[in-house]
Amino acid sequence: QVQLVESGGGLVQPGGSLRLSCAASGSIFSINAMGWYRQGPGKQRELVATITRGGSTNYADSVKGRFTISRDNAKNTVYLQMNSLKPEDTAVYYCNAAGVYSRVGLWDYWGQGTQVTVSS
């Protein structure tokens, strides 16, 4: 059984910073891509950033220059450093692991979500 556990969400003032972490656990042999998605109030889930096993990154235009995604392959962990946060960044942030090769086969997995609220 593979699980993704997120941490690091919370309440922050506009202009502030937060760092999200997501650790994948279980009998994992390898993970292709990891990433972060978010769903704001009344909105559809959208891509924030992704990173491949080799370190190639992709960002939504709305977060370029403010957010940085990174990962530790040895720990099966992905991070999202969020700087210069804006009220419109308020959302539930979900971790995603795509192409997870484990004892149960090749699957994609989602975390349970962590709330990020940007407000004064």
N, C-alpha and C. Protein backbone atom coordinates (compact mmCIF):
# COMPACT_ATOMS: atom_id res chain seq x y z
N GLN A 1 0.84 -1.19 0.00
CA GLN A 1 0.00 0.00 0.00
C GLN A 1 0.88 1.24 0.00
N VAL A 2 0.65 2.13 -0.95
CA VAL A 2 1.41 3.37 -1.04
C VAL A 2 0.57 4.50 -0.50
N GLN A 3 1.17 5.33 0.31
CA GLN A 3 0.48 6.50 0.87
C GLN A 3 1.31 7.75 0.67
N LEU A 4 0.62 8.86 0.44
CA LEU A 4 1.26 10.16 0.35
C LEU A 4 0.78 10.99 1.54
N VAL A 5 1.71 11.52 2.30
CA VAL A 5 1.36 12.31 3.48
C VAL A 5 1.93 13.71 3.31
N GLU A 6 1.02 14.69 3.31
CA GLU A 6 1.42 16.08 3.13
C GLU A 6 1.52 16.79 4.48
N SER A 7 2.34 17.83 4.51
CA SER A 7 2.45 18.67 5.70
C SER A 7 2.91 20.06 5.28
N GLY A 8 2.71 21.02 6.18
CA GLY A 8 3.24 22.36 5.95
C GLY A 8 2.23 23.43 5.61
N GLY A 9 0.96 23.06 5.45
CA GLY A 9 -0.04 24.08 5.17
C GLY A 9 -0.33 24.93 6.38
N GLY A 10 -1.14 25.98 6.16
CA GLY A 10 -1.52 26.83 7.26
C GLY A 10 -1.99 28.19 6.80
N LEU A 11 -2.04 29.11 7.75
CA LEU A 11 -2.48 30.48 7.50
C LEU A 11 -1.25 31.40 7.43
N VAL A 12 -1.19 32.21 6.40
CA VAL A 12 -0.07 33.13 6.23
C VAL A 12 -0.58 34.44 5.67
N GLN A 13 0.10 35.52 5.99
CA GLN A 13 -0.28 36.83 5.49
C GLN A 13 0.21 37.01 4.05
N PRO A 14 -0.46 37.86 3.29
CA PRO A 14 0.03 38.15 1.93
C PRO A 14 1.48 38.59 1.95
N GLY A 15 2.24 38.06 0.98
CA GLY A 15 3.67 38.34 0.94
C GLY A 15 4.51 37.36 1.72
N GLY A 16 3.87 36.51 2.49
CA GLY A 16 4.60 35.54 3.31
C GLY A 16 4.99 34.29 2.55
N SER A 17 5.57 33.34 3.28
CA SER A 17 6.08 32.11 2.68
C SER A 17 5.60 30.90 3.46
N LEU A 18 5.48 29.79 2.74
CA LEU A 18 5.20 28.50 3.33
C LEU A 18 5.97 27.44 2.55
N ARG A 19 6.26 26.33 3.22
CA ARG A 19 6.91 25.21 2.55
C ARG A 19 6.08 23.96 2.78
N LEU A 20 5.61 23.37 1.69
CA LEU A 20 4.86 22.12 1.77
C LEU A 20 5.79 20.94 1.53
N SER A 21 5.49 19.85 2.22
CA SER A 21 6.23 18.61 2.03
C SER A 21 5.25 17.48 1.77
N CYS A 22 5.68 16.50 1.00
CA CYS A 22 4.86 15.32 0.73
C CYS A 22 5.78 14.11 0.66
N ALA A 23 5.56 13.18 1.57
CA ALA A 23 6.38 11.97 1.62
C ALA A 23 5.56 10.77 1.18
N ALA A 24 6.11 10.01 0.25
CA ALA A 24 5.47 8.78 -0.20
C ALA A 24 6.05 7.61 0.56
N SER A 25 5.18 6.75 1.09
CA SER A 25 5.65 5.59 1.84
C SER A 25 5.02 4.32 1.29
N GLY A 26 5.65 3.19 1.60
CA GLY A 26 5.17 1.91 1.11
C GLY A 26 6.31 1.18 0.43
N SER A 27 5.98 0.07 -0.20
CA SER A 27 7.00 -0.73 -0.87
C SER A 27 7.24 -0.17 -2.28
N ILE A 28 7.90 0.98 -2.32
CA ILE A 28 8.09 1.72 -3.57
C ILE A 28 9.45 1.41 -4.18
N PHE A 29 9.45 1.09 -5.46
CA PHE A 29 10.70 0.86 -6.18
C PHE A 29 11.16 2.14 -6.87
N SER A 30 10.23 2.87 -7.45
CA SER A 30 10.58 4.13 -8.11
C SER A 30 9.33 4.96 -8.33
N ILE A 31 9.53 6.26 -8.48
CA ILE A 31 8.44 7.19 -8.78
C ILE A 31 8.86 8.03 -9.97
N ASN A 32 8.03 8.11 -10.98
CA ASN A 32 8.37 8.89 -12.17
C ASN A 32 8.29 10.39 -11.85
N ALA A 33 7.10 10.94 -11.85
CA ALA A 33 6.94 12.37 -11.59
C ALA A 33 6.19 12.59 -10.29
N MET A 34 6.52 13.70 -9.64
CA MET A 34 5.77 14.13 -8.45
C MET A 34 5.35 15.57 -8.66
N GLY A 35 4.27 15.94 -8.02
CA GLY A 35 3.82 17.31 -8.25
C GLY A 35 2.81 17.78 -7.24
N TRP A 36 2.42 19.02 -7.42
CA TRP A 36 1.43 19.67 -6.57
C TRP A 36 0.32 20.24 -7.43
N TYR A 37 -0.89 20.03 -6.97
CA TYR A 37 -2.08 20.60 -7.59
C TYR A 37 -2.85 21.34 -6.49
N ARG A 38 -3.76 22.21 -6.88
CA ARG A 38 -4.55 22.92 -5.88
C ARG A 38 -5.97 23.11 -6.37
N GLN A 39 -6.86 23.26 -5.40
CA GLN A 39 -8.26 23.51 -5.70
C GLN A 39 -8.76 24.60 -4.79
N GLY A 40 -9.02 25.76 -5.37
CA GLY A 40 -9.54 26.88 -4.61
C GLY A 40 -11.05 26.79 -4.46
N PRO A 41 -11.63 27.62 -3.60
CA PRO A 41 -13.08 27.61 -3.38
C PRO A 41 -13.84 27.84 -4.68
N GLY A 42 -14.72 26.93 -5.02
CA GLY A 42 -15.53 27.06 -6.23
C GLY A 42 -14.78 26.88 -7.52
N LYS A 43 -13.57 26.35 -7.45
CA LYS A 43 -12.75 26.19 -8.65
C LYS A 43 -12.42 24.73 -8.90
N GLN A 44 -11.98 24.43 -10.11
CA GLN A 44 -11.52 23.09 -10.43
C GLN A 44 -10.08 22.92 -9.96
N ARG A 45 -9.70 21.66 -9.78
CA ARG A 45 -8.32 21.37 -9.41
C ARG A 45 -7.40 21.76 -10.58
N GLU A 46 -6.28 22.41 -10.24
CA GLU A 46 -5.36 22.85 -11.27
C GLU A 46 -3.93 22.49 -10.91
N LEU A 47 -3.11 22.36 -11.94
CA LEU A 47 -1.70 22.06 -11.74
C LEU A 47 -0.98 23.27 -11.18
N VAL A 48 -0.11 23.03 -10.20
CA VAL A 48 0.75 24.08 -9.67
C VAL A 48 2.17 23.88 -10.20
N ALA A 49 2.73 22.69 -9.95
CA ALA A 49 4.09 22.41 -10.40
C ALA A 49 4.32 20.92 -10.38
N THR A 50 5.19 20.47 -11.29
CA THR A 50 5.59 19.06 -11.33
C THR A 50 7.10 18.96 -11.49
N ILE A 51 7.63 17.81 -11.09
CA ILE A 51 9.06 17.56 -11.23
C ILE A 51 9.27 16.09 -11.55
N THR A 52 10.10 15.82 -12.54
CA THR A 52 10.38 14.44 -12.91
C THR A 52 11.48 13.86 -12.02
N ARG A 53 11.67 12.57 -12.15
CA ARG A 53 12.72 11.93 -11.37
C ARG A 53 14.09 12.52 -11.70
N GLY A 54 14.25 12.97 -12.92
CA GLY A 54 15.52 13.56 -13.33
C GLY A 54 15.67 15.03 -12.98
N GLY A 55 14.60 15.63 -12.44
CA GLY A 55 14.69 17.00 -11.98
C GLY A 55 14.10 18.05 -12.92
N SER A 56 13.51 17.63 -14.03
CA SER A 56 12.87 18.61 -14.91
C SER A 56 11.59 19.11 -14.27
N THR A 57 11.39 20.43 -14.32
CA THR A 57 10.26 21.04 -13.65
C THR A 57 9.31 21.73 -14.63
N ASN A 58 8.07 21.87 -14.17
CA ASN A 58 7.04 22.56 -14.93
C ASN A 58 6.18 23.33 -13.94
N TYR A 59 5.87 24.59 -14.27
CA TYR A 59 5.10 25.43 -13.35
C TYR A 59 3.90 26.05 -14.06
N ALA A 60 2.84 26.26 -13.31
CA ALA A 60 1.74 27.07 -13.80
C ALA A 60 2.23 28.51 -13.93
N ASP A 61 1.73 29.21 -14.93
CA ASP A 61 2.16 30.59 -15.15
C ASP A 61 1.91 31.45 -13.91
N SER A 62 0.86 31.17 -13.18
CA SER A 62 0.47 32.00 -12.05
C SER A 62 1.45 31.91 -10.88
N VAL A 63 2.30 30.89 -10.86
CA VAL A 63 3.22 30.73 -9.73
C VAL A 63 4.69 30.85 -10.13
N LYS A 64 4.97 30.99 -11.42
CA LYS A 64 6.35 31.09 -11.88
C LYS A 64 7.05 32.27 -11.22
N GLY A 65 8.26 32.02 -10.74
CA GLY A 65 9.03 33.06 -10.08
C GLY A 65 8.73 33.21 -8.61
N ARG A 66 7.66 32.57 -8.12
CA ARG A 66 7.30 32.66 -6.71
C ARG A 66 7.41 31.30 -6.00
N PHE A 67 7.08 30.24 -6.71
CA PHE A 67 7.10 28.90 -6.13
C PHE A 67 8.26 28.10 -6.70
N THR A 68 8.83 27.22 -5.88
CA THR A 68 9.90 26.33 -6.32
C THR A 68 9.60 24.91 -5.87
N ILE A 69 9.60 23.99 -6.83
CA ILE A 69 9.38 22.58 -6.51
C ILE A 69 10.73 21.87 -6.51
N SER A 70 10.88 20.93 -5.57
CA SER A 70 12.10 20.12 -5.50
C SER A 70 11.73 18.75 -4.96
N ARG A 71 12.65 17.80 -5.09
CA ARG A 71 12.36 16.46 -4.57
C ARG A 71 13.65 15.79 -4.12
N ASP A 72 13.46 14.86 -3.20
CA ASP A 72 14.54 14.03 -2.70
C ASP A 72 14.18 12.60 -3.08
N ASN A 73 14.81 12.08 -4.12
CA ASN A 73 14.45 10.74 -4.62
C ASN A 73 14.73 9.65 -3.58
N ALA A 74 15.77 9.83 -2.80
CA ALA A 74 16.11 8.82 -1.80
C ALA A 74 15.03 8.72 -0.73
N LYS A 75 14.36 9.83 -0.47
CA LYS A 75 13.32 9.86 0.57
C LYS A 75 11.91 9.80 -0.03
N ASN A 76 11.81 9.72 -1.36
CA ASN A 76 10.50 9.74 -2.03
C ASN A 76 9.65 10.92 -1.54
N THR A 77 10.27 12.07 -1.47
CA THR A 77 9.63 13.25 -0.92
C THR A 77 9.71 14.41 -1.92
N VAL A 78 8.63 15.16 -2.02
CA VAL A 78 8.59 16.34 -2.87
C VAL A 78 8.25 17.54 -2.00
N TYR A 79 8.82 18.69 -2.35
CA TYR A 79 8.64 19.91 -1.60
C TYR A 79 8.10 21.01 -2.52
N LEU A 80 7.40 21.96 -1.90
CA LEU A 80 6.97 23.14 -2.64
C LEU A 80 7.24 24.35 -1.76
N GLN A 81 8.23 25.14 -2.15
CA GLN A 81 8.53 26.38 -1.46
C GLN A 81 7.71 27.49 -2.10
N MET A 82 6.86 28.10 -1.30
CA MET A 82 5.96 29.13 -1.80
C MET A 82 6.31 30.47 -1.19
N ASN A 83 6.73 31.41 -2.01
CA ASN A 83 7.10 32.75 -1.56
C ASN A 83 6.15 33.78 -2.17
N SER A 84 6.17 34.96 -1.60
CA SER A 84 5.33 36.07 -2.10
C SER A 84 3.89 35.62 -2.30
N LEU A 85 3.36 34.98 -1.30
CA LEU A 85 2.01 34.42 -1.41
C LEU A 85 0.96 35.51 -1.55
N LYS A 86 -0.06 35.19 -2.33
CA LYS A 86 -1.16 36.11 -2.60
C LYS A 86 -2.47 35.48 -2.13
N PRO A 87 -3.48 36.29 -1.85
CA PRO A 87 -4.78 35.73 -1.45
C PRO A 87 -5.32 34.72 -2.47
N GLU A 88 -5.04 34.92 -3.73
CA GLU A 88 -5.53 34.00 -4.75
C GLU A 88 -4.82 32.64 -4.74
N ASP A 89 -3.77 32.52 -3.93
CA ASP A 89 -3.12 31.21 -3.75
C ASP A 89 -3.86 30.34 -2.73
N THR A 90 -4.85 30.92 -2.07
CA THR A 90 -5.63 30.17 -1.09
C THR A 90 -6.31 28.98 -1.76
N ALA A 91 -6.06 27.79 -1.23
CA ALA A 91 -6.61 26.57 -1.82
C ALA A 91 -6.21 25.38 -0.96
N VAL A 92 -6.82 24.25 -1.28
CA VAL A 92 -6.32 22.98 -0.75
C VAL A 92 -5.28 22.48 -1.74
N TYR A 93 -4.10 22.20 -1.24
CA TYR A 93 -2.99 21.75 -2.09
C TYR A 93 -2.86 20.23 -1.97
N TYR A 94 -2.83 19.59 -3.12
CA TYR A 94 -2.76 18.13 -3.19
C TYR A 94 -1.43 17.69 -3.80
N CYS A 95 -0.84 16.70 -3.17
CA CYS A 95 0.37 16.08 -3.70
C CYS A 95 -0.02 14.95 -4.65
N ASN A 96 0.73 14.81 -5.72
CA ASN A 96 0.49 13.74 -6.68
C ASN A 96 1.80 13.02 -6.98
N ALA A 97 1.74 11.71 -7.05
CA ALA A 97 2.88 10.89 -7.48
C ALA A 97 2.41 10.06 -8.68
N ALA A 98 3.03 10.29 -9.82
CA ALA A 98 2.63 9.63 -11.05
C ALA A 98 3.66 8.59 -11.47
N GLY A 99 3.16 7.45 -11.91
CA GLY A 99 4.08 6.40 -12.32
C GLY A 99 4.84 5.82 -11.14
N VAL A 100 4.09 5.46 -10.10
CA VAL A 100 4.70 4.85 -8.92
C VAL A 100 4.79 3.34 -9.14
N TYR A 101 5.99 2.84 -9.18
CA TYR A 101 6.22 1.41 -9.36
C TYR A 101 6.47 0.81 -7.98
N SER A 102 5.56 -0.04 -7.55
CA SER A 102 5.65 -0.64 -6.23
C SER A 102 5.28 -2.11 -6.34
N ARG A 103 5.15 -2.77 -5.21
CA ARG A 103 4.81 -4.19 -5.19
C ARG A 103 3.41 -4.45 -5.75
N VAL A 104 2.57 -3.41 -5.76
CA VAL A 104 1.20 -3.61 -6.27
C VAL A 104 1.08 -3.19 -7.73
N GLY A 105 2.20 -2.85 -8.34
CA GLY A 105 2.15 -2.49 -9.76
C GLY A 105 2.49 -1.04 -10.01
N LEU A 106 2.01 -0.52 -11.15
CA LEU A 106 2.31 0.85 -11.57
C LEU A 106 1.03 1.67 -11.49
N TRP A 107 1.01 2.61 -10.57
CA TRP A 107 -0.19 3.41 -10.33
C TRP A 107 0.17 4.86 -10.06
N ASP A 108 -0.85 5.70 -10.09
CA ASP A 108 -0.74 7.10 -9.65
C ASP A 108 -1.42 7.22 -8.28
N TYR A 109 -0.93 8.14 -7.47
CA TYR A 109 -1.49 8.31 -6.14
C TYR A 109 -1.65 9.80 -5.82
N TRP A 110 -2.61 10.07 -4.91
CA TRP A 110 -2.88 11.44 -4.44
C TRP A 110 -2.80 11.48 -2.92
N GLY A 111 -2.34 12.62 -2.42
CA GLY A 111 -2.40 12.86 -0.99
C GLY A 111 -3.78 13.33 -0.57
N GLN A 112 -3.96 13.53 0.72
CA GLN A 112 -5.26 13.89 1.25
C GLN A 112 -5.54 15.39 1.15
N GLY A 113 -4.52 16.16 0.88
CA GLY A 113 -4.68 17.60 0.75
C GLY A 113 -4.30 18.35 2.02
N THR A 114 -3.76 19.54 1.84
CA THR A 114 -3.43 20.41 2.97
C THR A 114 -3.89 21.82 2.63
N GLN A 115 -4.52 22.47 3.61
CA GLN A 115 -5.10 23.78 3.37
C GLN A 115 -4.04 24.87 3.48
N VAL A 116 -4.02 25.75 2.50
CA VAL A 116 -3.20 26.95 2.52
C VAL A 116 -4.13 28.15 2.42
N THR A 117 -4.06 29.02 3.41
CA THR A 117 -4.90 30.21 3.43
C THR A 117 -4.01 31.43 3.51
N VAL A 118 -4.19 32.34 2.55
CA VAL A 118 -3.40 33.57 2.51
C VAL A 118 -4.36 34.73 2.80
N SER A 119 -4.21 35.32 3.96
CA SER A 119 -5.15 36.35 4.38
C SER A 119 -4.51 37.22 5.45
N SER A 120 -4.90 38.50 5.46
CA SER A 120 -4.43 39.40 6.49
C SER A 120 -5.42 39.45 7.64
